[in-house]
Protein backbone atom coordinates (compact mmCIF):
# COMPACT_ATOMS: atom_id res chain seq x y z
CA MET A 1 88.53 83.04 101.30
CA LEU A 2 88.23 80.37 98.67
CA ARG A 3 86.49 80.94 95.34
CA ALA A 4 85.08 78.30 93.04
CA GLY A 5 83.26 79.91 90.15
CA HIS A 6 80.61 82.11 91.72
CA SER A 7 80.80 80.40 95.11
CA LEU A 8 82.74 81.70 98.11
CA ARG A 9 83.91 79.82 101.16
CA PHE A 10 85.52 81.24 104.27
CA THR A 11 87.71 79.30 106.65
CA PRO A 12 86.51 79.12 110.26
CA THR A 13 89.39 81.42 111.25
CA GLU A 14 88.42 84.01 108.63
CA THR A 15 84.79 83.84 109.74
CA ASP A 16 85.81 84.40 113.37
CA GLU A 17 88.15 87.27 112.50
CA LEU A 18 85.48 89.02 110.44
CA ARG A 19 82.89 88.44 113.16
CA GLU A 20 85.20 90.22 115.62
CA LEU A 21 85.01 93.25 113.32
CA GLY A 22 81.23 93.00 113.22
CA ILE A 23 81.04 91.54 109.71
CA GLY A 24 78.83 88.47 109.54
CA VAL A 25 79.95 86.30 106.63
CA GLY A 26 78.88 82.94 108.01
CA GLY A 27 76.03 82.68 105.50
CA ALA A 28 77.84 84.36 102.58
CA ARG A 29 78.08 81.90 99.69
CA THR A 30 78.34 84.27 96.71
CA GLN A 31 80.01 87.59 95.94
CA ASN A 32 76.58 89.22 96.21
CA ASP A 33 76.15 87.78 99.72
CA LEU A 34 79.55 89.18 100.71
CA ASP A 35 78.70 92.56 99.18
CA GLN A 36 75.48 92.66 101.19
CA ALA A 37 77.27 91.76 104.43
CA LEU A 38 79.86 94.49 103.84
CA ALA A 39 77.19 97.05 102.91
CA GLN A 40 75.26 96.26 106.09
CA TRP A 41 78.46 96.59 108.14
CA ALA A 42 79.34 99.93 106.49
CA GLY A 43 75.80 101.22 107.05
CA THR A 44 75.89 100.30 110.71
CA LEU A 45 79.33 101.85 111.06
CA ALA A 46 78.13 105.04 109.35
CA GLU A 47 75.29 105.34 111.87
CA GLU A 48 77.18 104.35 115.00
CA ARG A 49 80.76 105.52 114.36
CA PRO A 50 80.92 107.85 111.34
CA GLU A 51 84.37 109.12 112.34
CA LEU A 52 85.74 105.57 112.28
CA LEU A 53 84.21 104.91 108.86
CA GLU A 54 85.86 108.10 107.63
CA LYS A 55 89.25 106.94 108.95
CA ILE A 56 88.81 103.56 107.23
CA ALA A 57 87.86 105.25 103.96
CA ALA A 58 90.86 107.58 104.20
CA ALA A 59 93.24 104.68 104.87
CA MET A 60 91.82 102.70 101.95
CA ALA A 61 92.10 105.69 99.62
CA GLN A 62 95.68 106.33 100.74
CA ALA A 63 96.62 102.68 100.23
CA ARG A 64 95.32 102.82 96.67
CA GLY A 65 96.75 106.25 95.94
CA ALA A 66 93.27 107.66 95.37
CA SER A 67 91.63 110.75 96.76
CA LEU A 68 88.50 110.74 98.85
CA PRO A 69 85.18 111.61 97.21
CA VAL A 70 84.05 115.16 97.90
CA ARG A 71 81.54 114.21 100.58
CA LEU A 72 84.20 112.23 102.46
CA THR A 73 86.94 114.82 102.18
CA ARG A 74 88.15 115.66 105.66
CA VAL A 75 87.66 119.13 107.04
CA ARG A 76 90.30 120.18 109.54
């Protein structure tokens, strides 16, 4: 991803890789556009595969050394 001020540009390879994950960034030109694409992806994932979204959230929290919010805390 390339940034120039408030503008974003993705390489064709990055666009293809993100599309494979279900994230459409082809029209994203600003950070807000990217945020909207990611929010839409997360919403779809929450509806279709909530357990996968939980795993992603847990991995991201672990990578940052953070704990999960209460509503995402895993129950075993």
